[in-house]
Amino acid sequence: MGPRAQPGAGTGRRLPCWRVAWAGLPGAVEETAVGRPEHAALLRAVGAGPPPRRFAHFLAGPSGGAAAGAAAGAAAAPAVGCLRELESLRELPGGQVLARSVGLCRVRRGPARRGPAGFEEADCEVLPERRAGPGPAAGPGAGAEALRWAAWEAWPAGAPAFTVAATQQVVLGVPGPGAPPPPPPPPPLQPAEVGELDAVLRAEASVWRRYRAVRRAALGGASAAEALPEPLASLSPPGAAGQRGRGPCGGLPPFRRALKLSYALSAFLPEFSPGAGRQALLEASSVEARLRLLEAVLARHEEALLLSQ
């Protein structure tokens, strides 16, 4: 695939739009066999282009996956999706391709149009994960900052994989050997941003309490519950039970750690289906709101387990 893109490249531009039956999440690596001609053409075009080899991944609307009525499908399809970077592309028999790509961050698309190569394109903007303002977190540079961090965090690493479909594997992207240095630390937080960070960290702590309670109830003891599965063990706050301060995500700023948890934990909860479930996470208004969605689902699991006992 050639040299990897600079982490900050590829924001706010026209991108190929890949609309399929599942939503993609930031921080996840997908390896997918693609057979539909227009989808394979899109990936080949991205792979043949210069770095950064990026495309926008959207959940298809009710008719968005059909060749007929593509314009109506584009209108019905969600406008919030995931910016992905193509890491490798391999030709398979029968005109299929095997594509490996990593989710970087959320994007919102403008009106889509079908290009000369047969696939859709749209102007896409990176959505910041912080809502506080004024200040850099809410300003024009917020999307670029989010993308720089996401590209660094998604540098290839041998993280454990978990299967979500027969042709699809997803792993949490974490920085690995040979990764470039992380982006420089952001400027001091504004008062509104301090309040937002506090709210996010409270929500993160609540999610961990619920998750550990569910594991204790399901596994029948505290010792078994504290042996966290990957990639969650790498996202537990330093000093928390089950976390020894090591792991590839241990050096992330607290906000980024909580952000990655807000996507990664959904893979362990069946309520967050590849379609509507993941889309709800993408469209959550903030990291805190996304964590609260997870907390509510965990609370229902905990209640059901306690009643069954």
Protein backbone atom coordinates (compact mmCIF):
# COMPACT_ATOMS: atom_id res chain seq x y z
CA MET A 1 0.00 0.00 0.00
CA GLY A 2 3.01 2.32 0.17
CA PRO A 3 3.91 4.83 2.89
CA ARG A 4 1.39 5.52 5.59
CA ALA A 5 -0.34 8.88 5.56
CA GLN A 6 0.56 11.72 7.83
CA PRO A 7 -1.83 11.59 10.80
CA GLY A 8 -3.33 15.02 10.21
CA ALA A 9 -4.10 14.65 6.51
CA GLY A 10 -7.46 14.09 4.90
CA THR A 11 -9.95 16.32 6.73
CA GLY A 12 -12.77 18.33 5.17
CA ARG A 13 -12.65 17.06 1.59
CA ARG A 14 -14.64 15.07 -0.96
CA LEU A 15 -14.37 11.37 -0.17
CA PRO A 16 -15.64 8.10 -1.63
CA CYS A 17 -18.69 6.95 0.36
CA TRP A 18 -18.96 3.26 1.17
CA ARG A 19 -22.53 2.50 2.27
CA VAL A 20 -23.05 -1.03 3.57
CA ALA A 21 -25.33 -2.96 5.93
CA TRP A 22 -23.26 -2.30 9.05
CA ALA A 23 -21.85 0.80 10.69
CA GLY A 24 -18.15 1.18 11.38
CA LEU A 25 -16.72 2.56 14.61
CA PRO A 26 -13.60 4.65 15.27
CA GLY A 27 -10.72 2.59 16.60
CA ALA A 28 -11.82 -0.64 14.91
CA VAL A 29 -9.94 -2.54 12.23
CA GLU A 30 -12.10 -4.38 9.73
CA GLU A 31 -10.95 -7.07 7.33
CA THR A 32 -13.73 -7.70 4.84
CA ALA A 33 -14.16 -9.69 1.65
CA VAL A 34 -15.98 -7.40 -0.80
CA GLY A 35 -17.74 -8.76 -3.87
CA ARG A 36 -20.21 -6.11 -5.03
CA PRO A 37 -18.71 -4.53 -8.16
CA GLU A 38 -19.33 -0.90 -7.13
CA HIS A 39 -17.89 -1.50 -3.65
CA ALA A 40 -14.84 -3.30 -5.03
CA ALA A 41 -14.34 -0.47 -7.54
CA LEU A 42 -14.44 2.09 -4.73
CA LEU A 43 -11.80 0.25 -2.71
CA ARG A 44 -9.58 -0.28 -5.75
CA ALA A 45 -9.77 3.44 -6.53
CA VAL A 46 -8.86 4.34 -2.93
CA GLY A 47 -5.99 1.84 -2.94
CA ALA A 48 -4.62 3.16 -6.23
CA GLY A 49 -4.57 6.75 -5.02
CA PRO A 50 -1.89 8.60 -3.08
CA PRO A 51 -1.87 8.57 0.72
CA PRO A 52 -3.84 9.20 2.78
CA ARG A 53 -5.98 6.40 1.32
CA ARG A 54 -9.20 7.27 3.09
CA PHE A 55 -12.90 6.78 2.51
CA ALA A 56 -16.10 7.40 4.44
CA HIS A 57 -18.08 4.44 5.76
CA PHE A 58 -21.84 4.90 6.25
CA LEU A 59 -24.68 2.64 7.26
CA ALA A 60 -26.95 2.10 4.25
CA GLY A 61 -30.51 3.39 4.43
CA PRO A 62 -33.59 1.28 3.70
CA SER A 63 -32.80 1.29 -0.01
CA GLY A 64 -29.24 2.55 0.21
CA GLY A 65 -27.64 -0.78 -0.59
CA ALA A 66 -29.54 -1.38 -3.82
CA ALA A 67 -28.22 -0.35 -7.18
CA ALA A 68 -31.67 0.86 -8.19
CA GLY A 69 -32.90 3.97 -6.47
CA ALA A 70 -29.44 4.95 -5.26
CA ALA A 71 -30.35 8.63 -5.02
CA ALA A 72 -33.32 7.87 -2.75
CA GLY A 73 -31.15 5.54 -0.70
CA ALA A 74 -28.52 8.23 -0.24
CA ALA A 75 -31.15 10.62 1.05
CA ALA A 76 -32.46 8.06 3.55
CA ALA A 77 -29.05 6.83 4.73
CA PRO A 78 -27.54 8.27 7.92
CA ALA A 79 -25.33 11.30 7.36
CA VAL A 80 -22.97 10.48 10.25
CA GLY A 81 -20.42 7.76 9.63
CA CYS A 82 -16.82 6.77 10.17
CA LEU A 83 -13.69 7.93 8.35
CA ARG A 84 -11.58 4.90 7.47
CA GLU A 85 -8.03 4.48 6.22
CA LEU A 86 -7.29 1.62 3.85
CA GLU A 87 -4.29 -0.35 5.11
CA SER A 88 -4.16 -3.17 2.57
CA LEU A 89 -6.08 -4.46 -0.42
CA ARG A 90 -5.73 -7.92 -1.97
CA GLU A 91 -7.42 -9.33 -5.05
CA LEU A 92 -9.46 -12.51 -4.54
CA PRO A 93 -10.90 -14.97 -7.07
CA GLY A 94 -14.16 -14.03 -8.73
CA GLY A 95 -13.52 -10.29 -8.79
CA GLN A 96 -13.62 -9.91 -5.01
CA VAL A 97 -11.14 -7.93 -2.94
CA LEU A 98 -10.01 -8.40 0.65
CA ALA A 99 -9.81 -4.98 2.29
CA ARG A 100 -8.28 -4.15 5.65
CA SER A 101 -9.05 -0.69 6.99
CA VAL A 102 -9.02 1.13 10.29
CA GLY A 103 -11.68 3.48 11.63
CA LEU A 104 -10.28 6.89 12.53
CA CYS A 105 -13.06 9.22 13.65
CA ARG A 106 -16.65 10.32 13.03
CA VAL A 107 -17.56 12.26 9.91
CA ARG A 108 -20.68 13.93 8.57
CA ARG A 109 -21.34 13.93 4.84
CA GLY A 110 -22.98 16.47 2.64
CA PRO A 111 -25.12 15.59 -0.40
CA ALA A 112 -23.73 12.53 -2.16
CA ARG A 113 -23.38 12.13 -5.91
CA ARG A 114 -22.33 9.20 -8.04
CA GLY A 115 -18.94 9.76 -9.67
CA PRO A 116 -17.72 8.57 -13.07
CA ALA A 117 -16.26 5.40 -11.53
CA GLY A 118 -19.73 4.28 -10.38
CA PHE A 119 -19.48 4.90 -6.64
CA GLU A 120 -20.74 7.75 -4.50
CA GLU A 121 -18.71 10.71 -3.30
CA ALA A 122 -19.55 13.48 -0.86
CA ASP A 123 -17.93 16.38 0.97
CA CYS A 124 -17.23 15.12 4.49
CA GLU A 125 -16.27 16.98 7.65
CA VAL A 126 -14.64 15.45 10.70
CA LEU A 127 -16.86 15.70 13.77
CA PRO A 128 -15.10 16.73 16.98
CA GLU A 129 -15.75 14.57 20.01
CA ARG A 130 -15.74 17.49 22.42
CA ARG A 131 -18.74 19.78 22.70
CA ALA A 132 -17.41 22.44 25.09
CA GLY A 133 -16.50 25.89 23.88
CA PRO A 134 -15.23 28.37 23.15
CA GLY A 135 -11.68 27.21 22.61
CA PRO A 136 -9.69 24.82 20.42
CA ALA A 137 -11.83 21.81 21.34
CA ALA A 138 -14.91 23.38 19.75
CA GLY A 139 -13.26 25.46 17.04
CA PRO A 140 -12.29 24.70 13.45
CA GLY A 141 -9.18 22.80 14.59
CA ALA A 142 -11.16 20.35 16.72
CA GLY A 143 -11.71 17.88 13.91
CA ALA A 144 -8.06 17.99 12.88
CA GLU A 145 -6.99 17.36 16.49
CA ALA A 146 -9.36 14.39 16.75
CA LEU A 147 -8.04 12.97 13.48
CA ARG A 148 -4.38 13.36 14.50
CA TRP A 149 -5.01 11.40 17.70
CA ALA A 150 -7.09 8.77 15.92
CA ALA A 151 -4.45 8.15 13.26
CA TRP A 152 -1.75 7.73 15.92
CA GLU A 153 -3.87 5.42 18.07
CA ALA A 154 -4.74 3.25 15.08
CA TRP A 155 -1.13 2.57 14.11
CA PRO A 156 -0.91 -1.19 13.39
CA ALA A 157 -0.40 -3.39 16.44
CA GLY A 158 -1.01 -7.00 17.33
CA ALA A 159 -4.13 -6.39 19.42
CA PRO A 160 -6.39 -9.39 20.07
CA ALA A 161 -9.28 -9.70 17.62
CA PHE A 162 -12.88 -10.64 18.18
CA THR A 163 -15.16 -11.84 15.39
CA VAL A 164 -18.38 -9.96 14.67
CA ALA A 165 -19.29 -11.60 11.35
CA ALA A 166 -18.10 -14.47 9.22
CA THR A 167 -16.13 -12.23 6.86
CA GLN A 168 -15.29 -9.45 9.26
CA GLN A 169 -12.82 -9.14 12.11
CA VAL A 170 -12.63 -6.14 14.38
CA VAL A 171 -9.82 -5.17 16.73
CA LEU A 172 -9.29 -2.09 18.79
CA GLY A 173 -6.58 0.06 17.23
CA VAL A 174 -3.73 0.82 19.63
CA PRO A 175 -0.28 2.32 18.99
CA GLY A 176 2.32 -0.31 18.20
CA PRO A 177 6.07 -0.58 17.57
CA GLY A 178 7.29 1.98 15.10
CA ALA A 179 4.39 4.34 15.67
CA PRO A 180 5.16 8.06 15.34
CA PRO A 181 5.10 10.18 18.48
CA PRO A 182 1.62 11.20 19.62
CA PRO A 183 0.31 14.68 18.87
CA PRO A 184 1.56 17.43 21.16
CA PRO A 185 -0.52 18.04 24.28
CA PRO A 186 -3.43 20.42 23.75
CA PRO A 187 -3.43 23.91 25.25
CA PRO A 188 -4.72 24.33 28.81
CA LEU A 189 -8.42 23.55 29.12
CA GLN A 190 -10.95 26.33 29.21
CA PRO A 191 -13.35 26.34 32.20
CA ALA A 192 -16.16 24.81 30.13
CA GLU A 193 -13.79 22.10 28.90
CA VAL A 194 -12.74 21.26 32.47
CA GLY A 195 -16.38 20.75 33.34
CA GLU A 196 -16.89 18.52 30.31
CA LEU A 197 -13.84 16.41 31.14
CA ASP A 198 -15.07 15.96 34.71
CA ALA A 199 -18.46 14.82 33.41
CA VAL A 200 -16.83 12.39 30.98
CA LEU A 201 -14.62 10.88 33.68
CA ARG A 202 -17.60 10.47 36.02
CA ALA A 203 -19.48 8.68 33.25
CA GLU A 204 -16.42 6.53 32.55
CA ALA A 205 -16.20 5.53 36.22
CA SER A 206 -19.91 4.68 36.29
CA VAL A 207 -19.55 2.47 33.21
CA TRP A 208 -16.66 0.59 34.80
CA ARG A 209 -18.61 0.05 38.03
CA ARG A 210 -21.57 -1.33 36.10
CA TYR A 211 -19.41 -3.48 33.86
CA ARG A 212 -17.54 -5.05 36.76
CA ALA A 213 -20.82 -5.65 38.62
CA VAL A 214 -22.19 -7.46 35.55
CA ARG A 215 -19.05 -9.59 35.28
CA ARG A 216 -19.18 -10.50 38.97
CA ALA A 217 -22.83 -11.53 38.68
CA ALA A 218 -22.23 -13.46 35.45
CA LEU A 219 -18.98 -15.17 36.45
CA GLY A 220 -19.78 -15.80 40.09
CA GLY A 221 -16.99 -14.02 41.90
CA ALA A 222 -14.80 -10.96 42.10
CA SER A 223 -11.55 -12.70 41.17
CA ALA A 224 -12.88 -13.96 37.84
CA ALA A 225 -14.51 -10.61 37.09
CA GLU A 226 -11.28 -8.66 37.53
CA ALA A 227 -9.50 -10.56 34.73
CA LEU A 228 -10.63 -8.13 32.05
CA PRO A 229 -10.68 -9.21 28.40
CA GLU A 230 -8.74 -7.35 25.78
CA PRO A 231 -9.02 -4.72 24.56
CA LEU A 232 -10.83 -3.48 27.68
CA ALA A 233 -7.92 -4.25 30.03
CA SER A 234 -5.84 -1.67 28.15
CA LEU A 235 -8.53 0.99 28.64
CA SER A 236 -9.08 0.65 32.36
CA PRO A 237 -7.97 3.80 34.22
CA PRO A 238 -4.55 3.46 35.90
CA GLY A 239 -4.85 2.22 39.45
CA ALA A 240 -8.29 0.68 38.93
CA ALA A 241 -8.95 -2.93 39.77
CA GLY A 242 -7.76 -5.16 36.97
CA GLN A 243 -5.39 -2.51 35.60
CA ARG A 244 -1.71 -2.42 36.54
CA GLY A 245 -0.86 0.75 34.70
CA ARG A 246 0.52 -1.08 31.70
CA GLY A 247 -0.94 -1.70 28.29
CA PRO A 248 -0.75 0.19 24.99
CA CYS A 249 -3.42 2.72 25.95
CA GLY A 250 -1.96 3.54 29.34
CA GLY A 251 -0.36 6.75 28.07
CA LEU A 252 -3.47 8.23 26.49
CA PRO A 253 -4.96 11.44 27.88
CA PRO A 254 -8.00 10.64 30.06
CA PHE A 255 -10.46 12.07 27.54
CA ARG A 256 -9.11 9.90 24.71
CA ARG A 257 -9.11 6.82 26.96
CA ALA A 258 -12.78 7.37 27.83
CA LEU A 259 -13.59 8.05 24.18
CA LYS A 260 -12.06 4.73 23.08
CA LEU A 261 -13.94 2.89 25.83
CA SER A 262 -17.20 4.42 24.61
CA TYR A 263 -16.75 2.57 21.31
CA ALA A 264 -14.85 -0.57 22.36
CA LEU A 265 -17.21 -1.76 25.10
CA SER A 266 -20.13 -1.96 22.67
CA ALA A 267 -18.56 -5.03 21.06
CA PHE A 268 -19.31 -6.98 24.25
CA LEU A 269 -22.97 -5.96 24.41
CA PRO A 270 -25.43 -7.60 22.00
CA GLU A 271 -27.75 -4.58 22.12
CA PHE A 272 -25.26 -2.66 19.98
CA SER A 273 -25.89 -4.50 16.74
CA PRO A 274 -23.64 -3.85 13.73
CA GLY A 275 -26.41 -1.74 12.19
CA ALA A 276 -28.70 0.44 14.30
CA GLY A 277 -26.83 -0.22 17.54
CA ARG A 278 -23.49 1.07 16.32
CA GLN A 279 -25.19 3.93 14.49
CA ALA A 280 -26.69 5.11 17.78
CA LEU A 281 -23.16 5.34 19.20
CA LEU A 282 -21.92 7.30 16.20
CA GLU A 283 -24.78 9.78 16.53
CA ALA A 284 -24.45 10.29 20.29
CA SER A 285 -24.02 14.00 20.97
CA SER A 286 -20.89 13.61 23.11
CA VAL A 287 -18.54 11.09 24.69
CA GLU A 288 -20.48 11.45 27.94
CA ALA A 289 -23.77 10.71 26.15
CA ARG A 290 -22.23 7.63 24.52
CA LEU A 291 -20.95 6.36 27.86
CA ARG A 292 -24.38 6.91 29.42
CA LEU A 293 -25.92 4.76 26.67
CA LEU A 294 -23.52 1.97 27.62
CA GLU A 295 -24.23 2.46 31.31
CA ALA A 296 -28.00 2.14 30.79
CA VAL A 297 -27.55 -1.15 28.90
CA LEU A 298 -25.20 -2.49 31.58
CA ALA A 299 -27.71 -1.54 34.29
CA ARG A 300 -30.36 -3.65 32.56
CA HIS A 301 -27.95 -6.59 32.32
CA GLU A 302 -27.07 -6.26 36.00
CA GLU A 303 -30.73 -6.18 37.04
CA ALA A 304 -31.56 -9.23 34.92
CA LEU A 305 -28.64 -11.21 36.33
CA LEU A 306 -29.53 -10.34 39.93
CA LEU A 307 -33.17 -11.34 39.38
CA SER A 308 -32.12 -14.66 37.84
CA GLN A 309 -30.10 -15.46 40.96
